[in-house]
Amino acid sequence: MPRGSSPKRERQYEHIKESAESRGESEKRAKEIAARTVNKERARSGESKSASRTSTQDSKSAPQRGGERSGKGSQGPTYDQLYEEAKRRGVDGRSSMNKSQLQQALDKK
């Protein structure tokens, strides 16, 4: 948590961190998610000294966006994202597949 944070933001940080850990994120990743989320909310509400344009000018908060900027750009998900999804779904032969083959295999499953 950043120095000088309010008790509300500290509670928010802990809640987000615990939620991420309960979803299976590592402790390090859970801390990063919580810190980024709290810092963005602080920027949106004017509590921070500096903030990026996306932090202050987004029309929606992070939970409302629902992953709109999570690697689904013009080219779709990355190879790594497809590979992890194929691994999760148990796609055979995934290690020798390229990106388009992974996408096709996932579309069939």
PDB file of N, CA and C in Angstrom:
ATOM      1  N   MET A   1       0.841  -1.187   0.000  1.00  0.00           N
ATOM      2  CA  MET A   1       0.000   0.000   0.000  1.00  0.00           C
ATOM      3  C   MET A   1       0.877   1.239   0.000  1.00  0.00           C
ATOM      4  N   PRO A   2       0.505   2.262  -0.766  1.00  0.00           N
ATOM      5  CA  PRO A   2       1.272   3.508  -0.760  1.00  0.00           C
ATOM      6  C   PRO A   2       1.202   4.190   0.605  1.00  0.00           C
ATOM      7  N   ARG A   3       2.259   4.934   0.919  1.00  0.00           N
ATOM      8  CA  ARG A   3       2.255   5.671   2.187  1.00  0.00           C
ATOM      9  C   ARG A   3       1.150   6.712   2.174  1.00  0.00           C
ATOM     10  N   GLY A   4       0.595   6.966   3.336  1.00  0.00           N
ATOM     11  CA  GLY A   4      -0.414   8.002   3.456  1.00  0.00           C
ATOM     12  C   GLY A   4      -1.783   7.588   2.937  1.00  0.00           C
ATOM     13  N   SER A   5      -1.994   6.311   2.760  1.00  0.00           N
ATOM     14  CA  SER A   5      -3.292   5.853   2.262  1.00  0.00           C
ATOM     15  C   SER A   5      -4.333   5.933   3.365  1.00  0.00           C
ATOM     16  N   SER A   6      -5.546   6.119   2.955  1.00  0.00           N
ATOM     17  CA  SER A   6      -6.631   6.192   3.921  1.00  0.00           C
ATOM     18  C   SER A   6      -7.007   4.781   4.375  1.00  0.00           C
ATOM     19  N   PRO A   7      -7.640   4.671   5.532  1.00  0.00           N
ATOM     20  CA  PRO A   7      -8.098   3.353   5.992  1.00  0.00           C
ATOM     21  C   PRO A   7      -9.027   2.678   4.978  1.00  0.00           C
ATOM     22  N   LYS A   8      -9.822   3.479   4.289  1.00  0.00           N
ATOM     23  CA  LYS A   8     -10.731   2.913   3.282  1.00  0.00           C
ATOM     24  C   LYS A   8      -9.936   2.229   2.177  1.00  0.00           C
ATOM     25  N   ARG A   9      -8.887   2.897   1.677  1.00  0.00           N
ATOM     26  CA  ARG A   9      -8.081   2.323   0.592  1.00  0.00           C
ATOM     27  C   ARG A   9      -7.302   1.105   1.084  1.00  0.00           C
ATOM     28  N   GLU A  10      -6.876   1.113   2.340  1.00  0.00           N
ATOM     29  CA  GLU A  10      -6.180  -0.046   2.883  1.00  0.00           C
ATOM     30  C   GLU A  10      -7.116  -1.249   2.962  1.00  0.00           C
ATOM     31  N   ARG A  11      -8.352  -1.022   3.383  1.00  0.00           N
ATOM     32  CA  ARG A  11      -9.339  -2.112   3.408  1.00  0.00           C
ATOM     33  C   ARG A  11      -9.617  -2.607   1.994  1.00  0.00           C
ATOM     34  N   GLN A  12      -9.735  -1.673   1.059  1.00  0.00           N
ATOM     35  CA  GLN A  12      -9.987  -2.035  -0.339  1.00  0.00           C
ATOM     36  C   GLN A  12      -8.830  -2.877  -0.875  1.00  0.00           C
ATOM     37  N   TYR A  13      -7.600  -2.489  -0.579  1.00  0.00           N
ATOM     38  CA  TYR A  13      -6.413  -3.221  -1.013  1.00  0.00           C
ATOM     39  C   TYR A  13      -6.453  -4.654  -0.472  1.00  0.00           C
ATOM     40  N   GLU A  14      -6.698  -4.796   0.820  1.00  0.00           N
ATOM     41  CA  GLU A  14      -6.732  -6.124   1.440  1.00  0.00           C
ATOM     42  C   GLU A  14      -7.835  -6.989   0.834  1.00  0.00           C
ATOM     43  N   HIS A  15      -8.981  -6.401   0.622  1.00  0.00           N
ATOM     44  CA  HIS A  15     -10.106  -7.145   0.045  1.00  0.00           C
ATOM     45  C   HIS A  15      -9.766  -7.641  -1.369  1.00  0.00           C
ATOM     46  N   ILE A  16      -9.204  -6.779  -2.186  1.00  0.00           N
ATOM     47  CA  ILE A  16      -8.852  -7.149  -3.564  1.00  0.00           C
ATOM     48  C   ILE A  16      -7.754  -8.207  -3.558  1.00  0.00           C
ATOM     49  N   LYS A  17      -6.767  -8.044  -2.682  1.00  0.00           N
ATOM     50  CA  LYS A  17      -5.661  -9.002  -2.594  1.00  0.00           C
ATOM     51  C   LYS A  17      -6.179 -10.381  -2.181  1.00  0.00           C
ATOM     52  N   GLU A  18      -7.023 -10.425  -1.165  1.00  0.00           N
ATOM     53  CA  GLU A  18      -7.578 -11.704  -0.709  1.00  0.00           C
ATOM     54  C   GLU A  18      -8.446 -12.346  -1.784  1.00  0.00           C
ATOM     55  N   SER A  19      -9.193 -11.530  -2.492  1.00  0.00           N
ATOM     56  CA  SER A  19     -10.038 -12.043  -3.569  1.00  0.00           C
ATOM     57  C   SER A  19      -9.196 -12.665  -4.675  1.00  0.00           C
ATOM     58  N   ALA A  20      -8.115 -11.998  -5.051  1.00  0.00           N
ATOM     59  CA  ALA A  20      -7.237 -12.521  -6.100  1.00  0.00           C
ATOM     60  C   ALA A  20      -6.572 -13.823  -5.652  1.00  0.00           C
ATOM     61  N   GLU A  21      -6.156 -13.870  -4.395  1.00  0.00           N
ATOM     62  CA  GLU A  21      -5.543 -15.099  -3.881  1.00  0.00           C
ATOM     63  C   GLU A  21      -6.546 -16.249  -3.855  1.00  0.00           C
ATOM     64  N   SER A  22      -7.798 -15.945  -3.536  1.00  0.00           N
ATOM     65  CA  SER A  22      -8.811 -17.008  -3.503  1.00  0.00           C
ATOM     66  C   SER A  22      -9.129 -17.519  -4.909  1.00  0.00           C
ATOM     67  N   ARG A  23      -8.841 -16.702  -5.941  1.00  0.00           N
ATOM     68  CA  ARG A  23      -9.026 -17.134  -7.328  1.00  0.00           C
ATOM     69  C   ARG A  23      -7.827 -17.915  -7.837  1.00  0.00           C
ATOM     70  N   GLY A  24      -6.794 -18.074  -6.994  1.00  0.00           N
ATOM     71  CA  GLY A  24      -5.641 -18.873  -7.381  1.00  0.00           C
ATOM     72  C   GLY A  24      -4.430 -18.085  -7.817  1.00  0.00           C
ATOM     73  N   GLU A  25      -4.455 -16.761  -7.713  1.00  0.00           N
ATOM     74  CA  GLU A  25      -3.297 -15.955  -8.067  1.00  0.00           C
ATOM     75  C   GLU A  25      -2.215 -16.129  -6.991  1.00  0.00           C
ATOM     76  N   SER A  26      -0.949 -16.010  -7.381  1.00  0.00           N
ATOM     77  CA  SER A  26       0.132 -16.056  -6.400  1.00  0.00           C
ATOM     78  C   SER A  26       0.031 -14.819  -5.508  1.00  0.00           C
ATOM     79  N   GLU A  27       0.707 -14.867  -4.366  1.00  0.00           N
ATOM     80  CA  GLU A  27       0.657 -13.720  -3.455  1.00  0.00           C
ATOM     81  C   GLU A  27       1.240 -12.476  -4.119  1.00  0.00           C
ATOM     82  N   LYS A  28       2.333 -12.659  -4.859  1.00  0.00           N
ATOM     83  CA  LYS A  28       2.971 -11.529  -5.537  1.00  0.00           C
ATOM     84  C   LYS A  28       2.024 -10.905  -6.557  1.00  0.00           C
ATOM     85  N   ARG A  29       1.377 -11.747  -7.363  1.00  0.00           N
ATOM     86  CA  ARG A  29       0.450 -11.255  -8.388  1.00  0.00           C
ATOM     87  C   ARG A  29      -0.776 -10.610  -7.735  1.00  0.00           C
ATOM     88  N   ALA A  30      -1.263 -11.199  -6.643  1.00  0.00           N
ATOM     89  CA  ALA A  30      -2.422 -10.641  -5.937  1.00  0.00           C
ATOM     90  C   ALA A  30      -2.109  -9.250  -5.398  1.00  0.00           C
ATOM     91  N   LYS A  31      -0.893  -9.070  -4.868  1.00  0.00           N
ATOM     92  CA  LYS A  31      -0.491  -7.754  -4.369  1.00  0.00           C
ATOM     93  C   LYS A  31      -0.434  -6.742  -5.508  1.00  0.00           C
ATOM     94  N   GLU A  32       0.089  -7.173  -6.660  1.00  0.00           N
ATOM     95  CA  GLU A  32       0.185  -6.275  -7.808  1.00  0.00           C
ATOM     96  C   GLU A  32      -1.198  -5.852  -8.296  1.00  0.00           C
ATOM     97  N   ILE A  33      -2.102  -6.805  -8.401  1.00  0.00           N
ATOM     98  CA  ILE A  33      -3.470  -6.510  -8.846  1.00  0.00           C
ATOM     99  C   ILE A  33      -4.130  -5.521  -7.891  1.00  0.00           C
ATOM    100  N   ALA A  34      -3.988  -5.790  -6.594  1.00  0.00           N
ATOM    101  CA  ALA A  34      -4.611  -4.924  -5.588  1.00  0.00           C
ATOM    102  C   ALA A  34      -4.028  -3.520  -5.632  1.00  0.00           C
ATOM    103  N   ALA A  35      -2.715  -3.427  -5.721  1.00  0.00           N
ATOM    104  CA  ALA A  35      -2.076  -2.105  -5.730  1.00  0.00           C
ATOM    105  C   ALA A  35      -2.483  -1.312  -6.965  1.00  0.00           C
ATOM    106  N   ARG A  36      -2.482  -1.957  -8.119  1.00  0.00           N
ATOM    107  CA  ARG A  36      -2.856  -1.250  -9.341  1.00  0.00           C
ATOM    108  C   ARG A  36      -4.312  -0.782  -9.292  1.00  0.00           C
ATOM    109  N   THR A  37      -5.175  -1.641  -8.795  1.00  0.00           N
ATOM    110  CA  THR A  37      -6.592  -1.279  -8.722  1.00  0.00           C
ATOM    111  C   THR A  37      -6.817  -0.119  -7.770  1.00  0.00           C
ATOM    112  N   VAL A  38      -6.225  -0.197  -6.590  1.00  0.00           N
ATOM    113  CA  VAL A  38      -6.393   0.870  -5.599  1.00  0.00           C
ATOM    114  C   VAL A  38      -5.782   2.172  -6.109  1.00  0.00           C
ATOM    115  N   ASN A  39      -4.602   2.096  -6.721  1.00  0.00           N
ATOM    116  CA  ASN A  39      -3.978   3.317  -7.244  1.00  0.00           C
ATOM    117  C   ASN A  39      -4.831   3.954  -8.329  1.00  0.00           C
ATOM    118  N   LYS A  40      -5.432   3.132  -9.170  1.00  0.00           N
ATOM    119  CA  LYS A  40      -6.281   3.683 -10.226  1.00  0.00           C
ATOM    120  C   LYS A  40      -7.518   4.359  -9.615  1.00  0.00           C
ATOM    121  N   GLU A  41      -8.126   3.724  -8.640  1.00  0.00           N
ATOM    122  CA  GLU A  41      -9.293   4.326  -7.992  1.00  0.00           C
ATOM    123  C   GLU A  41      -8.916   5.617  -7.265  1.00  0.00           C
ATOM    124  N   ARG A  42      -7.722   5.647  -6.665  1.00  0.00           N
ATOM    125  CA  ARG A  42      -7.256   6.879  -6.028  1.00  0.00           C
ATOM    126  C   ARG A  42      -7.092   7.987  -7.061  1.00  0.00           C
ATOM    127  N   ALA A  43      -6.551   7.648  -8.226  1.00  0.00           N
ATOM    128  CA  ALA A  43      -6.357   8.639  -9.289  1.00  0.00           C
ATOM    129  C   ALA A  43      -7.697   9.139  -9.803  1.00  0.00           C
ATOM    130  N   ARG A  44      -8.640   8.230  -9.984  1.00  0.00           N
ATOM    131  CA  ARG A  44      -9.958   8.615 -10.498  1.00  0.00           C
ATOM    132  C   ARG A  44     -10.691   9.552  -9.547  1.00  0.00           C
ATOM    133  N   SER A  45     -10.461   9.366  -8.248  1.00  0.00           N
ATOM    134  CA  SER A  45     -11.170  10.195  -7.278  1.00  0.00           C
ATOM    135  C   SER A  45     -10.368  11.434  -6.864  1.00  0.00           C
ATOM    136  N   GLY A  46      -9.197  11.649  -7.479  1.00  0.00           N
ATOM    137  CA  GLY A  46      -8.415  12.845  -7.186  1.00  0.00           C
ATOM    138  C   GLY A  46      -7.576  12.759  -5.933  1.00  0.00           C
ATOM    139  N   GLU A  47      -7.334  11.564  -5.414  1.00  0.00           N
ATOM    140  CA  GLU A  47      -6.567  11.399  -4.183  1.00  0.00           C
ATOM    141  C   GLU A  47      -5.064  11.317  -4.416  1.00  0.00           C
ATOM    142  N   SER A  48      -4.637  11.138  -5.670  1.00  0.00           N
ATOM    143  CA  SER A  48      -3.203  11.000  -5.933  1.00  0.00           C
ATOM    144  C   SER A  48      -2.653  12.291  -6.544  1.00  0.00           C
ATOM    145  N   LYS A  49      -1.345  12.484  -6.390  1.00  0.00           N
ATOM    146  CA  LYS A  49      -0.718  13.701  -6.899  1.00  0.00           C
ATOM    147  C   LYS A  49      -0.577  13.664  -8.416  1.00  0.00           C
ATOM    148  N   SER A  50      -0.344  12.486  -8.986  1.00  0.00           N
ATOM    149  CA  SER A  50      -0.218  12.368 -10.431  1.00  0.00           C
ATOM    150  C   SER A  50      -0.999  11.142 -10.892  1.00  0.00           C
ATOM    151  N   ALA A  51      -1.439  11.185 -12.137  1.00  0.00           N
ATOM    152  CA  ALA A  51      -2.218  10.076 -12.663  1.00  0.00           C
ATOM    153  C   ALA A  51      -2.103  10.059 -14.183  1.00  0.00           C
ATOM    154  N   SER A  52      -2.171   8.861 -14.753  1.00  0.00           N
ATOM    155  CA  SER A  52      -2.127   8.740 -16.211  1.00  0.00           C
ATOM    156  C   SER A  52      -3.473   9.139 -16.805  1.00  0.00           C
ATOM    157  N   ARG A  53      -3.455   9.427 -18.075  1.00  0.00           N
ATOM    158  CA  ARG A  53      -4.682   9.828 -18.760  1.00  0.00           C
ATOM    159  C   ARG A  53      -5.723   8.707 -18.722  1.00  0.00           C
ATOM    160  N   THR A  54      -5.281   7.445 -18.909  1.00  0.00           N
ATOM    161  CA  THR A  54      -6.260   6.349 -18.885  1.00  0.00           C
ATOM    162  C   THR A  54      -6.867   6.171 -17.499  1.00  0.00           C
ATOM    163  N   SER A  55      -6.114   6.524 -16.470  1.00  0.00           N
ATOM    164  CA  SER A  55      -6.664   6.403 -15.117  1.00  0.00           C
ATOM    165  C   SER A  55      -7.778   7.398 -14.862  1.00  0.00           C
ATOM    166  N   THR A  56      -7.622   8.586 -15.411  1.00  0.00           N
ATOM    167  CA  THR A  56      -8.586   9.635 -15.094  1.00  0.00           C
ATOM    168  C   THR A  56      -9.659   9.833 -16.153  1.00  0.00           C
ATOM    169  N   GLN A  57      -9.411   9.410 -17.388  1.00  0.00           N
ATOM    170  CA  GLN A  57     -10.360   9.696 -18.458  1.00  0.00           C
ATOM    171  C   GLN A  57     -11.141   8.484 -18.944  1.00  0.00           C
ATOM    172  N   ASP A  58     -10.915   7.313 -18.352  1.00  0.00           N
ATOM    173  CA  ASP A  58     -11.720   6.155 -18.725  1.00  0.00           C
ATOM    174  C   ASP A  58     -13.179   6.433 -18.400  1.00  0.00           C
ATOM    175  N   SER A  59     -14.056   6.024 -19.295  1.00  0.00           N
ATOM    176  CA  SER A  59     -15.468   6.242 -19.038  1.00  0.00           C
ATOM    177  C   SER A  59     -16.015   5.240 -18.032  1.00  0.00           C
ATOM    178  N   LYS A  60     -15.285   4.149 -17.813  1.00  0.00           N
ATOM    179  CA  LYS A  60     -15.731   3.124 -16.875  1.00  0.00           C
ATOM    180  C   LYS A  60     -14.599   2.787 -15.922  1.00  0.00           C
ATOM    181  N   SER A  61     -14.947   2.314 -14.732  1.00  0.00           N
ATOM    182  CA  SER A  61     -13.930   1.833 -13.805  1.00  0.00           C
ATOM    183  C   SER A  61     -13.495   0.441 -14.255  1.00  0.00           C
ATOM    184  N   ALA A  62     -12.420  -0.055 -13.681  1.00  0.00           N
ATOM    185  CA  ALA A  62     -11.873  -1.345 -14.093  1.00  0.00           C
ATOM    186  C   ALA A  62     -12.899  -2.480 -14.027  1.00  0.00           C
ATOM    187  N   PRO A  63     -13.645  -2.636 -12.936  1.00  0.00           N
ATOM    188  CA  PRO A  63     -14.615  -3.732 -12.919  1.00  0.00           C
ATOM    189  C   PRO A  63     -15.717  -3.579 -13.978  1.00  0.00           C
ATOM    190  N   GLN A  64     -16.069  -2.348 -14.294  1.00  0.00           N
ATOM    191  CA  GLN A  64     -17.123  -2.131 -15.288  1.00  0.00           C
ATOM    192  C   GLN A  64     -16.640  -2.446 -16.696  1.00  0.00           C
ATOM    193  N   ARG A  65     -15.328  -2.255 -16.965  1.00  0.00           N
ATOM    194  CA  ARG A  65     -14.790  -2.551 -18.293  1.00  0.00           C
ATOM    195  C   ARG A  65     -14.817  -4.037 -18.570  1.00  0.00           C
ATOM    196  N   GLY A  66     -14.639  -4.843 -17.538  1.00  0.00           N
ATOM    197  CA  GLY A  66     -14.737  -6.288 -17.694  1.00  0.00           C
ATOM    198  C   GLY A  66     -13.735  -6.887 -18.663  1.00  0.00           C
ATOM    199  N   GLY A  67     -12.508  -6.438 -18.644  1.00  0.00           N
ATOM    200  CA  GLY A  67     -11.473  -7.024 -19.477  1.00  0.00           C
ATOM    201  C   GLY A  67     -11.434  -6.514 -20.898  1.00  0.00           C
ATOM    202  N   GLU A  68     -11.979  -5.346 -21.153  1.00  0.00           N
ATOM    203  CA  GLU A  68     -11.978  -4.805 -22.514  1.00  0.00           C
ATOM    204  C   GLU A  68     -10.571  -4.630 -23.075  1.00  0.00           C
ATOM    205  N   ARG A  69      -9.582  -4.415 -22.191  1.00  0.00           N
ATOM    206  CA  ARG A  69      -8.209  -4.218 -22.663  1.00  0.00           C
ATOM    207  C   ARG A  69      -7.304  -5.354 -22.189  1.00  0.00           C
ATOM    208  N   SER A  70      -7.786  -6.560 -22.238  1.00  0.00           N
ATOM    209  CA  SER A  70      -7.016  -7.684 -21.702  1.00  0.00           C
ATOM    210  C   SER A  70      -6.404  -8.546 -22.794  1.00  0.00           C
ATOM    211  N   GLY A  71      -5.761  -7.953 -23.769  1.00  0.00           N
ATOM    212  CA  GLY A  71      -5.091  -8.720 -24.803  1.00  0.00           C
ATOM    213  C   GLY A  71      -5.997  -9.149 -25.934  1.00  0.00           C
ATOM    214  N   LYS A  72      -7.120  -8.524 -26.081  1.00  0.00           N
ATOM    215  CA  LYS A  72      -8.043  -8.890 -27.152  1.00  0.00           C
ATOM    216  C   LYS A  72      -8.097  -7.771 -28.182  1.00  0.00           C
ATOM    217  N   GLY A  73      -6.930  -7.322 -28.600  1.00  0.00           N
ATOM    218  CA  GLY A  73      -6.860  -6.238 -29.567  1.00  0.00           C
ATOM    219  C   GLY A  73      -7.228  -6.718 -30.954  1.00  0.00           C
ATOM    220  N   SER A  74      -6.721  -6.061 -31.956  1.00  0.00           N
ATOM    221  CA  SER A  74      -7.083  -6.366 -33.332  1.00  0.00           C
ATOM    222  C   SER A  74      -6.645  -7.761 -33.745  1.00  0.00           C
ATOM    223  N   GLN A  75      -5.630  -8.309 -33.092  1.00  0.00           N
ATOM    224  CA  GLN A  75      -5.152  -9.634 -33.451  1.00  0.00           C
ATOM    225  C   GLN A  75      -5.669 -10.712 -32.514  1.00  0.00           C
ATOM    226  N   GLY A  76      -6.535 -10.396 -31.611  1.00  0.00           N
ATOM    227  CA  GLY A  76      -7.079 -11.379 -30.689  1.00  0.00           C
ATOM    228  C   GLY A  76      -6.100 -11.723 -29.584  1.00  0.00           C
ATOM    229  N   PRO A  77      -6.351 -12.835 -28.908  1.00  0.00           N
ATOM    230  CA  PRO A  77      -5.480 -13.224 -27.795  1.00  0.00           C
ATOM    231  C   PRO A  77      -4.083 -13.590 -28.288  1.00  0.00           C
ATOM    232  N   THR A  78      -3.112 -13.492 -27.400  1.00  0.00           N
ATOM    233  CA  THR A  78      -1.732 -13.821 -27.751  1.00  0.00           C
ATOM    234  C   THR A  78      -1.546 -15.329 -27.811  1.00  0.00           C
ATOM    235  N   TYR A  79      -0.423 -15.751 -28.365  1.00  0.00           N
ATOM    236  CA  TYR A  79      -0.099 -17.172 -28.427  1.00  0.00           C
ATOM    237  C   TYR A  79      -0.085 -17.759 -27.016  1.00  0.00           C
ATOM    238  N   ASP A  80       0.557 -17.047 -26.087  1.00  0.00           N
ATOM    239  CA  ASP A  80       0.640 -17.537 -24.711  1.00  0.00           C
ATOM    240  C   ASP A  80      -0.737 -17.694 -24.080  1.00  0.00           C
ATOM    241  N   GLN A  81      -1.629 -16.745 -24.334  1.00  0.00           N
ATOM    242  CA  GLN A  81      -2.983 -16.851 -23.794  1.00  0.00           C
ATOM    243  C   GLN A  81      -3.709 -18.055 -24.382  1.00  0.00           C
ATOM    244  N   LEU A  82      -3.555 -18.261 -25.692  1.00  0.00           N
ATOM    245  CA  LEU A  82      -4.182 -19.415 -26.340  1.00  0.00           C
ATOM    246  C   LEU A  82      -3.600 -20.719 -25.813  1.00  0.00           C
ATOM    247  N   TYR A  83      -2.288 -20.760 -25.645  1.00  0.00           N
ATOM    248  CA  TYR A  83      -1.636 -21.965 -25.159  1.00  0.00           C
ATOM    249  C   TYR A  83      -2.129 -22.319 -23.756  1.00  0.00           C
ATOM    250  N   GLU A  84      -2.213 -21.314 -22.893  1.00  0.00           N
ATOM    251  CA  GLU A  84      -2.682 -21.577 -21.525  1.00  0.00           C
ATOM    252  C   GLU A  84      -4.126 -22.065 -21.516  1.00  0.00           C
ATOM    253  N   GLU A  85      -4.950 -21.500 -22.376  1.00  0.00           N
ATOM    254  CA  GLU A  85      -6.342 -21.952 -22.466  1.00  0.00           C
ATOM    255  C   GLU A  85      -6.405 -23.382 -22.994  1.00  0.00           C
ATOM    256  N   ALA A  86      -5.567 -23.701 -23.992  1.00  0.00           N
ATOM    257  CA  ALA A  86      -5.517 -25.062 -24.531  1.00  0.00           C
ATOM    258  C   ALA A  86      -5.041 -26.040 -23.455  1.00  0.00           C
ATOM    259  N   LYS A  87      -4.094 -25.609 -22.668  1.00  0.00           N
ATOM    260  CA  LYS A  87      -3.595 -26.443 -21.568  1.00  0.00           C
ATOM    261  C   LYS A  87      -4.706 -26.687 -20.556  1.00  0.00           C
ATOM    262  N   ARG A  88      -5.429 -25.633 -20.224  1.00  0.00           N
ATOM    263  CA  ARG A  88      -6.532 -25.750 -19.263  1.00  0.00           C
ATOM    264  C   ARG A  88      -7.614 -26.696 -19.764  1.00  0.00           C
ATOM    265  N   ARG A  89      -7.884 -26.654 -21.084  1.00  0.00           N
ATOM    266  CA  ARG A  89      -8.934 -27.504 -21.662  1.00  0.00           C
ATOM    267  C   ARG A  89      -8.438 -28.895 -22.063  1.00  0.00           C
ATOM    268  N   GLY A  90      -7.145 -29.125 -21.937  1.00  0.00           N
ATOM    269  CA  GLY A  90      -6.594 -30.433 -22.247  1.00  0.00           C
ATOM    270  C   GLY A  90      -6.483 -30.739 -23.729  1.00  0.00           C
ATOM    271  N   VAL A  91      -6.124 -29.761 -24.541  1.00  0.00           N
ATOM    272  CA  VAL A  91      -5.967 -29.960 -25.981  1.00  0.00           C
ATOM    273  C   VAL A  91      -4.678 -30.746 -26.229  1.00  0.00           C
ATOM    274  N   ASP A  92      -4.790 -31.903 -26.889  1.00  0.00           N
ATOM    275  CA  ASP A  92      -3.625 -32.728 -27.201  1.00  0.00           C
ATOM    276  C   ASP A  92      -2.818 -32.108 -28.330  1.00  0.00           C
ATOM    277  N   GLY A  93      -1.491 -32.228 -28.252  1.00  0.00           N
ATOM    278  CA  GLY A  93      -0.609 -31.743 -29.299  1.00  0.00           C
ATOM    279  C   GLY A  93      -0.395 -30.242 -29.300  1.00  0.00           C
ATOM    280  N   ARG A  94      -0.789 -29.571 -28.245  1.00  0.00           N
ATOM    281  CA  ARG A  94      -0.723 -28.104 -28.221  1.00  0.00           C
ATOM    282  C   ARG A  94       0.704 -27.571 -28.287  1.00  0.00           C
ATOM    283  N   SER A  95       1.674 -28.342 -27.803  1.00  0.00           N
ATOM    284  CA  SER A  95       3.048 -27.832 -27.773  1.00  0.00           C
ATOM    285  C   SER A  95       3.641 -27.671 -29.168  1.00  0.00           C
ATOM    286  N   SER A  96       3.117 -28.386 -30.152  1.00  0.00           N
ATOM    287  CA  SER A  96       3.661 -28.271 -31.504  1.00  0.00           C
ATOM    288  C   SER A  96       2.795 -27.383 -32.405  1.00  0.00           C
ATOM    289  N   MET A  97       1.754 -26.766 -31.839  1.00  0.00           N
ATOM    290  CA  MET A  97       0.843 -25.934 -32.634  1.00  0.00           C
ATOM    291  C   MET A  97       1.298 -24.479 -32.678  1.00  0.00           C
ATOM    292  N   ASN A  98       0.979 -23.803 -33.789  1.00  0.00           N
ATOM    293  CA  ASN A  98       1.206 -22.368 -33.867  1.00  0.00           C
ATOM    294  C   ASN A  98      -0.073 -21.656 -33.398  1.00  0.00           C
ATOM    295  N   LYS A  99      -0.055 -20.347 -33.447  1.00  0.00           N
ATOM    296  CA  LYS A  99      -1.167 -19.565 -32.914  1.00  0.00           C
ATOM    297  C   LYS A  99      -2.501 -19.900 -33.592  1.00  0.00           C
ATOM    298  N   SER A 100      -2.513 -19.945 -34.923  1.00  0.00           N
ATOM    299  CA  SER A 100      -3.786 -20.207 -35.620  1.00  0.00           C
ATOM    300  C   SER A 100      -4.275 -21.634 -35.367  1.00  0.00           C
ATOM    301  N   GLN A 101      -3.350 -22.578 -35.247  1.00  0.00           N
ATOM    302  CA  GLN A 101      -3.747 -23.951 -34.952  1.00  0.00           C
ATOM    303  C   GLN A 101      -4.337 -24.063 -33.551  1.00  0.00           C
ATOM    304  N   LEU A 102      -3.738 -23.350 -32.607  1.00  0.00           N
ATOM    305  CA  LEU A 102      -4.287 -23.339 -31.248  1.00  0.00           C
ATOM    306  C   LEU A 102      -5.702 -22.767 -31.247  1.00  0.00           C
ATOM    307  N   GLN A 103      -5.895 -21.672 -31.986  1.00  0.00           N
ATOM    308  CA  GLN A 103      -7.220 -21.046 -32.050  1.00  0.00           C
ATOM    309  C   GLN A 103      -8.242 -22.015 -32.638  1.00  0.00           C
ATOM    310  N   GLN A 104      -7.864 -22.716 -33.718  1.00  0.00           N
ATOM    311  CA  GLN A 104      -8.770 -23.671 -34.346  1.00  0.00           C
ATOM    312  C   GLN A 104      -9.101 -24.821 -33.393  1.00  0.00           C
ATOM    313  N   ALA A 105      -8.101 -25.322 -32.686  1.00  0.00           N
ATOM    314  CA  ALA A 105      -8.326 -26.417 -31.748  1.00  0.00           C
ATOM    315  C   ALA A 105      -9.254 -25.988 -30.611  1.00  0.00           C
ATOM    316  N   LEU A 106      -9.086 -24.766 -30.145  1.00  0.00           N
ATOM    317  CA  LEU A 106      -9.939 -24.258 -29.064  1.00  0.00           C
ATOM    318  C   LEU A 106     -11.370 -24.025 -29.574  1.00  0.00           C
ATOM    319  N   ASP A 107     -11.497 -23.593 -30.817  1.00  0.00           N
ATOM    320  CA  ASP A 107     -12.830 -23.371 -31.376  1.00  0.00           C
ATOM    321  C   ASP A 107     -13.597 -24.687 -31.508  1.00  0.00           C
ATOM    322  N   LYS A 108     -12.877 -25.785 -31.760  1.00  0.00           N
ATOM    323  CA  LYS A 108     -13.509 -27.101 -31.897  1.00  0.00           C
ATOM    324  C   LYS A 108     -13.940 -27.674 -30.550  1.00  0.00           C
ATOM    325  N   LYS A 109     -13.215 -27.331 -29.492  1.00  0.00           N
ATOM    326  CA  LYS A 109     -13.506 -27.897 -28.159  1.00  0.00           C
ATOM    327  C   LYS A 109     -14.685 -27.269 -27.523  1.00  0.00           C
TER     328      LYS A 109
END
